[in-house]
Amino acid sequence: MGAAAEMLGVSPAFLRALGAAKLIEPQRSSGGHRRYSRYQLRLAARARELVDQGTPVEAACRIIILEDQLAEALRINNARDRPAGH
């Protein structure tokens, strides 16, 4: 967690807050250390951007979840609308 927090320029408490808000749920190593995927780190970086702009952490997490859901829905719609074989 310390390395991820340092890489993102946030505190470990910020990463724990993102976990409490259900934005990211890191895997655990056999020693109990949190392991974040690249995708989770991208979400955390986006959360930091929003928080730096004055958005409360909980609201930032909700915004990111909705952005992610919208992107997935658009991807599904685009795939459905493409003719087969293209």
PDB file of N, CA and C in Angstrom:
ATOM      1  N   MET A   1       0.827  -1.183   0.000  1.00  0.00           N
ATOM      2  CA  MET A   1       0.000   0.000   0.000  1.00  0.00           C
ATOM      3  C   MET A   1       0.872   1.248   0.000  1.00  0.00           C
ATOM      4  N   GLY A   2       1.946   1.229   0.729  1.00  0.00           N
ATOM      5  CA  GLY A   2       2.824   2.392   0.790  1.00  0.00           C
ATOM      6  C   GLY A   2       3.385   2.763  -0.572  1.00  0.00           C
ATOM      7  N   ALA A   3       3.798   1.755  -1.345  1.00  0.00           N
ATOM      8  CA  ALA A   3       4.356   2.017  -2.676  1.00  0.00           C
ATOM      9  C   ALA A   3       3.288   2.584  -3.602  1.00  0.00           C
ATOM     10  N   ALA A   4       2.081   2.044  -3.541  1.00  0.00           N
ATOM     11  CA  ALA A   4       0.990   2.550  -4.382  1.00  0.00           C
ATOM     12  C   ALA A   4       0.650   3.982  -3.999  1.00  0.00           C
ATOM     13  N   ALA A   5       0.582   4.251  -2.703  1.00  0.00           N
ATOM     14  CA  ALA A   5       0.269   5.602  -2.239  1.00  0.00           C
ATOM     15  C   ALA A   5       1.342   6.586  -2.688  1.00  0.00           C
ATOM     16  N   GLU A   6       2.595   6.182  -2.561  1.00  0.00           N
ATOM     17  CA  GLU A   6       3.706   7.049  -2.972  1.00  0.00           C
ATOM     18  C   GLU A   6       3.657   7.314  -4.479  1.00  0.00           C
ATOM     19  N   MET A   7       3.391   6.286  -5.253  1.00  0.00           N
ATOM     20  CA  MET A   7       3.338   6.414  -6.697  1.00  0.00           C
ATOM     21  C   MET A   7       2.239   7.397  -7.128  1.00  0.00           C
ATOM     22  N   LEU A   8       1.117   7.380  -6.416  1.00  0.00           N
ATOM     23  CA  LEU A   8      -0.015   8.242  -6.758  1.00  0.00           C
ATOM     24  C   LEU A   8       0.055   9.615  -6.080  1.00  0.00           C
ATOM     25  N   GLY A   9       0.966   9.755  -5.119  1.00  0.00           N
ATOM     26  CA  GLY A   9       1.063  11.015  -4.394  1.00  0.00           C
ATOM     27  C   GLY A   9      -0.072  11.211  -3.402  1.00  0.00           C
ATOM     28  N   VAL A  10      -0.528  10.101  -2.818  1.00  0.00           N
ATOM     29  CA  VAL A  10      -1.607  10.147  -1.836  1.00  0.00           C
ATOM     30  C   VAL A  10      -1.151   9.450  -0.558  1.00  0.00           C
ATOM     31  N   SER A  11      -1.964   9.538   0.462  1.00  0.00           N
ATOM     32  CA  SER A  11      -1.648   8.844   1.709  1.00  0.00           C
ATOM     33  C   SER A  11      -2.267   7.447   1.694  1.00  0.00           C
ATOM     34  N   PRO A  12      -1.711   6.534   2.492  1.00  0.00           N
ATOM     35  CA  PRO A  12      -2.349   5.224   2.620  1.00  0.00           C
ATOM     36  C   PRO A  12      -3.805   5.352   3.099  1.00  0.00           C
ATOM     37  N   ALA A  13      -4.083   6.357   3.928  1.00  0.00           N
ATOM     38  CA  ALA A  13      -5.450   6.573   4.408  1.00  0.00           C
ATOM     39  C   ALA A  13      -6.394   6.881   3.245  1.00  0.00           C
ATOM     40  N   PHE A  14      -5.900   7.594   2.236  1.00  0.00           N
ATOM     41  CA  PHE A  14      -6.716   7.893   1.059  1.00  0.00           C
ATOM     42  C   PHE A  14      -7.080   6.597   0.340  1.00  0.00           C
ATOM     43  N   LEU A  15      -6.114   5.703   0.172  1.00  0.00           N
ATOM     44  CA  LEU A  15      -6.387   4.418  -0.471  1.00  0.00           C
ATOM     45  C   LEU A  15      -7.358   3.585   0.359  1.00  0.00           C
ATOM     46  N   ARG A  16      -7.224   3.627   1.673  1.00  0.00           N
ATOM     47  CA  ARG A  16      -8.167   2.908   2.529  1.00  0.00           C
ATOM     48  C   ARG A  16      -9.567   3.491   2.380  1.00  0.00           C
ATOM     49  N   ALA A  17      -9.667   4.828   2.248  1.00  0.00           N
ATOM     50  CA  ALA A  17     -10.972   5.473   2.057  1.00  0.00           C
ATOM     51  C   ALA A  17     -11.617   5.030   0.755  1.00  0.00           C
ATOM     52  N   LEU A  18     -10.814   4.852  -0.287  1.00  0.00           N
ATOM     53  CA  LEU A  18     -11.347   4.376  -1.562  1.00  0.00           C
ATOM     54  C   LEU A  18     -11.864   2.948  -1.420  1.00  0.00           C
ATOM     55  N   GLY A  19     -11.170   2.159  -0.627  1.00  0.00           N
ATOM     56  CA  GLY A  19     -11.631   0.799  -0.352  1.00  0.00           C
ATOM     57  C   GLY A  19     -12.923   0.805   0.455  1.00  0.00           C
ATOM     58  N   ALA A  20     -13.007   1.668   1.451  1.00  0.00           N
ATOM     59  CA  ALA A  20     -14.222   1.759   2.269  1.00  0.00           C
ATOM     60  C   ALA A  20     -15.411   2.210   1.435  1.00  0.00           C
ATOM     61  N   ALA A  21     -15.153   3.040   0.420  1.00  0.00           N
ATOM     62  CA  ALA A  21     -16.216   3.524  -0.469  1.00  0.00           C
ATOM     63  C   ALA A  21     -16.510   2.519  -1.580  1.00  0.00           C
ATOM     64  N   LYS A  22     -15.852   1.368  -1.555  1.00  0.00           N
ATOM     65  CA  LYS A  22     -16.063   0.279  -2.518  1.00  0.00           C
ATOM     66  C   LYS A  22     -15.628   0.621  -3.941  1.00  0.00           C
ATOM     67  N   LEU A  23     -14.695   1.582  -4.087  1.00  0.00           N
ATOM     68  CA  LEU A  23     -14.183   1.895  -5.415  1.00  0.00           C
ATOM     69  C   LEU A  23     -13.138   0.865  -5.828  1.00  0.00           C
ATOM     70  N   ILE A  24     -12.238   0.545  -4.919  1.00  0.00           N
ATOM     71  CA  ILE A  24     -11.189  -0.435  -5.208  1.00  0.00           C
ATOM     72  C   ILE A  24     -11.116  -1.433  -4.058  1.00  0.00           C
ATOM     73  N   GLU A  25     -10.862  -2.673  -4.391  1.00  0.00           N
ATOM     74  CA  GLU A  25     -10.676  -3.708  -3.384  1.00  0.00           C
ATOM     75  C   GLU A  25      -9.443  -4.507  -3.766  1.00  0.00           C
ATOM     76  N   PRO A  26      -8.297  -4.154  -3.202  1.00  0.00           N
ATOM     77  CA  PRO A  26      -7.051  -4.811  -3.603  1.00  0.00           C
ATOM     78  C   PRO A  26      -7.004  -6.269  -3.161  1.00  0.00           C
ATOM     79  N   GLN A  27      -6.241  -7.031  -3.920  1.00  0.00           N
ATOM     80  CA  GLN A  27      -5.953  -8.408  -3.519  1.00  0.00           C
ATOM     81  C   GLN A  27      -4.971  -8.344  -2.351  1.00  0.00           C
ATOM     82  N   ARG A  28      -4.843  -9.433  -1.644  1.00  0.00           N
ATOM     83  CA  ARG A  28      -3.893  -9.502  -0.533  1.00  0.00           C
ATOM     84  C   ARG A  28      -2.816 -10.538  -0.844  1.00  0.00           C
ATOM     85  N   SER A  29      -1.573 -10.173  -0.517  1.00  0.00           N
ATOM     86  CA  SER A  29      -0.477 -11.130  -0.663  1.00  0.00           C
ATOM     87  C   SER A  29      -0.557 -12.142   0.468  1.00  0.00           C
ATOM     88  N   SER A  30       0.252 -13.171   0.401  1.00  0.00           N
ATOM     89  CA  SER A  30       0.249 -14.178   1.465  1.00  0.00           C
ATOM     90  C   SER A  30       0.649 -13.562   2.805  1.00  0.00           C
ATOM     91  N   GLY A  31       1.398 -12.460   2.751  1.00  0.00           N
ATOM     92  CA  GLY A  31       1.794 -11.764   3.967  1.00  0.00           C
ATOM     93  C   GLY A  31       0.785 -10.720   4.420  1.00  0.00           C
ATOM     94  N   GLY A  32      -0.325 -10.599   3.684  1.00  0.00           N
ATOM     95  CA  GLY A  32      -1.368  -9.658   4.080  1.00  0.00           C
ATOM     96  C   GLY A  32      -1.239  -8.269   3.476  1.00  0.00           C
ATOM     97  N   HIS A  33      -0.237  -8.067   2.617  1.00  0.00           N
ATOM     98  CA  HIS A  33      -0.052  -6.757   1.990  1.00  0.00           C
ATOM     99  C   HIS A  33      -1.063  -6.552   0.873  1.00  0.00           C
ATOM    100  N   ARG A  34      -1.527  -5.321   0.739  1.00  0.00           N
ATOM    101  CA  ARG A  34      -2.476  -5.004  -0.331  1.00  0.00           C
ATOM    102  C   ARG A  34      -1.738  -4.934  -1.667  1.00  0.00           C
ATOM    103  N   ARG A  35      -2.339  -5.524  -2.682  1.00  0.00           N
ATOM    104  CA  ARG A  35      -1.783  -5.517  -4.039  1.00  0.00           C
ATOM    105  C   ARG A  35      -2.818  -4.912  -4.969  1.00  0.00           C
ATOM    106  N   TYR A  36      -2.454  -3.791  -5.598  1.00  0.00           N
ATOM    107  CA  TYR A  36      -3.363  -3.072  -6.483  1.00  0.00           C
ATOM    108  C   TYR A  36      -3.055  -3.387  -7.943  1.00  0.00           C
ATOM    109  N   SER A  37      -4.096  -3.576  -8.736  1.00  0.00           N
ATOM    110  CA  SER A  37      -3.912  -3.779 -10.171  1.00  0.00           C
ATOM    111  C   SER A  37      -3.696  -2.416 -10.838  1.00  0.00           C
ATOM    112  N   ARG A  38      -3.247  -2.452 -12.071  1.00  0.00           N
ATOM    113  CA  ARG A  38      -3.083  -1.198 -12.823  1.00  0.00           C
ATOM    114  C   ARG A  38      -4.414  -0.479 -12.970  1.00  0.00           C
ATOM    115  N   TYR A  39      -5.464  -1.242 -13.205  1.00  0.00           N
ATOM    116  CA  TYR A  39      -6.806  -0.662 -13.330  1.00  0.00           C
ATOM    117  C   TYR A  39      -7.195   0.046 -12.033  1.00  0.00           C
ATOM    118  N   GLN A  40      -6.969  -0.590 -10.895  1.00  0.00           N
ATOM    119  CA  GLN A  40      -7.285   0.020  -9.609  1.00  0.00           C
ATOM    120  C   GLN A  40      -6.467   1.287  -9.385  1.00  0.00           C
ATOM    121  N   LEU A  41      -5.211   1.266  -9.810  1.00  0.00           N
ATOM    122  CA  LEU A  41      -4.379   2.459  -9.661  1.00  0.00           C
ATOM    123  C   LEU A  41      -4.894   3.596 -10.548  1.00  0.00           C
ATOM    124  N   ARG A  42      -5.397   3.258 -11.739  1.00  0.00           N
ATOM    125  CA  ARG A  42      -5.994   4.292 -12.607  1.00  0.00           C
ATOM    126  C   ARG A  42      -7.227   4.888 -11.951  1.00  0.00           C
ATOM    127  N   LEU A  43      -8.060   4.050 -11.342  1.00  0.00           N
ATOM    128  CA  LEU A  43      -9.242   4.548 -10.642  1.00  0.00           C
ATOM    129  C   LEU A  43      -8.844   5.439  -9.472  1.00  0.00           C
ATOM    130  N   ALA A  44      -7.830   5.036  -8.731  1.00  0.00           N
ATOM    131  CA  ALA A  44      -7.365   5.830  -7.596  1.00  0.00           C
ATOM    132  C   ALA A  44      -6.808   7.175  -8.070  1.00  0.00           C
ATOM    133  N   ALA A  45      -6.095   7.175  -9.198  1.00  0.00           N
ATOM    134  CA  ALA A  45      -5.562   8.424  -9.745  1.00  0.00           C
ATOM    135  C   ALA A  45      -6.697   9.350 -10.157  1.00  0.00           C
ATOM    136  N   ARG A  46      -7.753   8.785 -10.754  1.00  0.00           N
ATOM    137  CA  ARG A  46      -8.926   9.588 -11.142  1.00  0.00           C
ATOM    138  C   ARG A  46      -9.603  10.150  -9.895  1.00  0.00           C
ATOM    139  N   ALA A  47      -9.698   9.348  -8.849  1.00  0.00           N
ATOM    140  CA  ALA A  47     -10.288   9.816  -7.592  1.00  0.00           C
ATOM    141  C   ALA A  47      -9.473  10.975  -7.029  1.00  0.00           C
ATOM    142  N   ARG A  48      -8.165  10.848  -7.103  1.00  0.00           N
ATOM    143  CA  ARG A  48      -7.319  11.932  -6.600  1.00  0.00           C
ATOM    144  C   ARG A  48      -7.577  13.216  -7.390  1.00  0.00           C
ATOM    145  N   GLU A  49      -7.707  13.118  -8.716  1.00  0.00           N
ATOM    146  CA  GLU A  49      -7.997  14.299  -9.535  1.00  0.00           C
ATOM    147  C   GLU A  49      -9.270  14.991  -9.051  1.00  0.00           C
ATOM    148  N   LEU A  50     -10.319  14.194  -8.851  1.00  0.00           N
ATOM    149  CA  LEU A  50     -11.594  14.771  -8.426  1.00  0.00           C
ATOM    150  C   LEU A  50     -11.505  15.382  -7.036  1.00  0.00           C
ATOM    151  N   VAL A  51     -10.832  14.684  -6.126  1.00  0.00           N
ATOM    152  CA  VAL A  51     -10.683  15.197  -4.763  1.00  0.00           C
ATOM    153  C   VAL A  51      -9.847  16.478  -4.768  1.00  0.00           C
ATOM    154  N   ASP A  52      -8.816  16.508  -5.588  1.00  0.00           N
ATOM    155  CA  ASP A  52      -7.984  17.719  -5.694  1.00  0.00           C
ATOM    156  C   ASP A  52      -8.799  18.903  -6.206  1.00  0.00           C
ATOM    157  N   GLN A  53      -9.878  18.622  -6.958  1.00  0.00           N
ATOM    158  CA  GLN A  53     -10.752  19.678  -7.475  1.00  0.00           C
ATOM    159  C   GLN A  53     -11.832  20.069  -6.467  1.00  0.00           C
ATOM    160  N   GLY A  54     -11.824  19.415  -5.296  1.00  0.00           N
ATOM    161  CA  GLY A  54     -12.770  19.775  -4.244  1.00  0.00           C
ATOM    162  C   GLY A  54     -13.942  18.830  -4.059  1.00  0.00           C
ATOM    163  N   THR A  55     -13.968  17.731  -4.785  1.00  0.00           N
ATOM    164  CA  THR A  55     -15.053  16.753  -4.661  1.00  0.00           C
ATOM    165  C   THR A  55     -14.794  15.880  -3.437  1.00  0.00           C
ATOM    166  N   PRO A  56     -15.788  15.684  -2.580  1.00  0.00           N
ATOM    167  CA  PRO A  56     -15.607  14.771  -1.437  1.00  0.00           C
ATOM    168  C   PRO A  56     -15.284  13.350  -1.930  1.00  0.00           C
ATOM    169  N   VAL A  57     -14.535  12.603  -1.143  1.00  0.00           N
ATOM    170  CA  VAL A  57     -14.086  11.268  -1.536  1.00  0.00           C
ATOM    171  C   VAL A  57     -15.258  10.379  -1.933  1.00  0.00           C
ATOM    172  N   GLU A  58     -16.309  10.353  -1.116  1.00  0.00           N
ATOM    173  CA  GLU A  58     -17.444   9.478  -1.405  1.00  0.00           C
ATOM    174  C   GLU A  58     -18.094   9.851  -2.736  1.00  0.00           C
ATOM    175  N   ALA A  59     -18.244  11.140  -2.988  1.00  0.00           N
ATOM    176  CA  ALA A  59     -18.837  11.596  -4.253  1.00  0.00           C
ATOM    177  C   ALA A  59     -17.919  11.268  -5.423  1.00  0.00           C
ATOM    178  N   ALA A  60     -16.617  11.438  -5.240  1.00  0.00           N
ATOM    179  CA  ALA A  60     -15.658  11.114  -6.298  1.00  0.00           C
ATOM    180  C   ALA A  60     -15.753   9.636  -6.664  1.00  0.00           C
ATOM    181  N   CYS A  61     -15.865   8.780  -5.667  1.00  0.00           N
ATOM    182  CA  CYS A  61     -15.978   7.344  -5.933  1.00  0.00           C
ATOM    183  C   CYS A  61     -17.254   7.043  -6.700  1.00  0.00           C
ATOM    184  N   ARG A  62     -18.338   7.677  -6.334  1.00  0.00           N
ATOM    185  CA  ARG A  62     -19.608   7.442  -7.036  1.00  0.00           C
ATOM    186  C   ARG A  62     -19.516   7.918  -8.484  1.00  0.00           C
ATOM    187  N   ILE A  63     -18.907   9.070  -8.695  1.00  0.00           N
ATOM    188  CA  ILE A  63     -18.723   9.594 -10.056  1.00  0.00           C
ATOM    189  C   ILE A  63     -17.929   8.608 -10.894  1.00  0.00           C
ATOM    190  N   ILE A  64     -16.836   8.086 -10.337  1.00  0.00           N
ATOM    191  CA  ILE A  64     -15.970   7.161 -11.076  1.00  0.00           C
ATOM    192  C   ILE A  64     -16.712   5.865 -11.399  1.00  0.00           C
ATOM    193  N   ILE A  65     -17.488   5.366 -10.457  1.00  0.00           N
ATOM    194  CA  ILE A  65     -18.265   4.146 -10.694  1.00  0.00           C
ATOM    195  C   ILE A  65     -19.251   4.390 -11.837  1.00  0.00           C
ATOM    196  N   LEU A  66     -19.924   5.535 -11.825  1.00  0.00           N
ATOM    197  CA  LEU A  66     -20.879   5.850 -12.897  1.00  0.00           C
ATOM    198  C   LEU A  66     -20.173   6.040 -14.237  1.00  0.00           C
ATOM    199  N   GLU A  67     -19.005   6.692 -14.227  1.00  0.00           N
ATOM    200  CA  GLU A  67     -18.236   6.843 -15.472  1.00  0.00           C
ATOM    201  C   GLU A  67     -17.862   5.480 -16.039  1.00  0.00           C
ATOM    202  N   ASP A  68     -17.453   4.583 -15.161  1.00  0.00           N
ATOM    203  CA  ASP A  68     -17.051   3.241 -15.577  1.00  0.00           C
ATOM    204  C   ASP A  68     -18.247   2.466 -16.139  1.00  0.00           C
ATOM    205  N   GLN A  69     -19.405   2.577 -15.484  1.00  0.00           N
ATOM    206  CA  GLN A  69     -20.610   1.905 -15.965  1.00  0.00           C
ATOM    207  C   GLN A  69     -21.028   2.450 -17.332  1.00  0.00           C
ATOM    208  N   LEU A  70     -20.929   3.763 -17.501  1.00  0.00           N
ATOM    209  CA  LEU A  70     -21.284   4.370 -18.778  1.00  0.00           C
ATOM    210  C   LEU A  70     -20.347   3.889 -19.882  1.00  0.00           C
ATOM    211  N   ALA A  71     -19.053   3.869 -19.609  1.00  0.00           N
ATOM    212  CA  ALA A  71     -18.078   3.410 -20.606  1.00  0.00           C
ATOM    213  C   ALA A  71     -18.354   1.969 -21.006  1.00  0.00           C
ATOM    214  N   GLU A  72     -18.695   1.130 -20.041  1.00  0.00           N
ATOM    215  CA  GLU A  72     -18.997  -0.278 -20.340  1.00  0.00           C
ATOM    216  C   GLU A  72     -20.272  -0.391 -21.173  1.00  0.00           C
ATOM    217  N   ALA A  73     -21.297   0.380 -20.831  1.00  0.00           N
ATOM    218  CA  ALA A  73     -22.548   0.347 -21.599  1.00  0.00           C
ATOM    219  C   ALA A  73     -22.308   0.807 -23.034  1.00  0.00           C
ATOM    220  N   LEU A  74     -21.509   1.845 -23.206  1.00  0.00           N
ATOM    221  CA  LEU A  74     -21.194   2.325 -24.550  1.00  0.00           C
ATOM    222  C   LEU A  74     -20.419   1.275 -25.345  1.00  0.00           C
ATOM    223  N   ARG A  75     -19.480   0.600 -24.675  1.00  0.00           N
ATOM    224  CA  ARG A  75     -18.709  -0.453 -25.338  1.00  0.00           C
ATOM    225  C   ARG A  75     -19.633  -1.573 -25.802  1.00  0.00           C
ATOM    226  N   ILE A  76     -20.558  -1.976 -24.950  1.00  0.00           N
ATOM    227  CA  ILE A  76     -21.499  -3.045 -25.293  1.00  0.00           C
ATOM    228  C   ILE A  76     -22.393  -2.610 -26.455  1.00  0.00           C
ATOM    229  N   ASN A  77     -22.897  -1.391 -26.391  1.00  0.00           N
ATOM    230  CA  ASN A  77     -23.765  -0.881 -27.469  1.00  0.00           C
ATOM    231  C   ASN A  77     -23.011  -0.794 -28.785  1.00  0.00           C
ATOM    232  N   ASN A  78     -21.788  -0.314 -28.746  1.00  0.00           N
ATOM    233  CA  ASN A  78     -20.991  -0.222 -29.973  1.00  0.00           C
ATOM    234  C   ASN A  78     -20.708  -1.596 -30.554  1.00  0.00           C
ATOM    235  N   ALA A  79     -20.426  -2.565 -29.712  1.00  0.00           N
ATOM    236  CA  ALA A  79     -20.161  -3.929 -30.181  1.00  0.00           C
ATOM    237  C   ALA A  79     -21.427  -4.537 -30.775  1.00  0.00           C
ATOM    238  N   ARG A  80     -22.559  -4.262 -30.189  1.00  0.00           N
ATOM    239  CA  ARG A  80     -23.834  -4.795 -30.675  1.00  0.00           C
ATOM    240  C   ARG A  80     -24.229  -4.174 -32.011  1.00  0.00           C
ATOM    241  N   ASP A  81     -23.921  -2.892 -32.173  1.00  0.00           N
ATOM    242  CA  ASP A  81     -24.304  -2.177 -33.388  1.00  0.00           C
ATOM    243  C   ASP A  81     -23.407  -2.473 -34.581  1.00  0.00           C
ATOM    244  N   ARG A  82     -22.222  -3.048 -34.347  1.00  0.00           N
ATOM    245  CA  ARG A  82     -21.313  -3.375 -35.466  1.00  0.00           C
ATOM    246  C   ARG A  82     -21.812  -4.618 -36.183  1.00  0.00           C
ATOM    247  N   PRO A  83     -21.744  -4.604 -37.502  1.00  0.00           N
ATOM    248  CA  PRO A  83     -22.098  -5.819 -38.256  1.00  0.00           C
ATOM    249  C   PRO A  83     -21.111  -6.945 -37.925  1.00  0.00           C
ATOM    250  N   ALA A  84     -21.592  -8.164 -37.998  1.00  0.00           N
ATOM    251  CA  ALA A  84     -20.739  -9.329 -37.723  1.00  0.00           C
ATOM    252  C   ALA A  84     -19.562  -9.356 -38.696  1.00  0.00           C
ATOM    253  N   GLY A  85     -18.392  -9.693 -38.169  1.00  0.00           N
ATOM    254  CA  GLY A  85     -17.192  -9.792 -39.010  1.00  0.00           C
ATOM    255  C   GLY A  85     -16.434  -8.494 -39.142  1.00  0.00           C
ATOM    256  N   HIS A  86     -16.873  -7.420 -38.511  1.00  0.00           N
ATOM    257  CA  HIS A  86     -16.166  -6.129 -38.596  1.00  0.00           C
ATOM    258  C   HIS A  86     -15.581  -5.726 -37.314  1.00  0.00           C
TER     259      HIS A  86
END
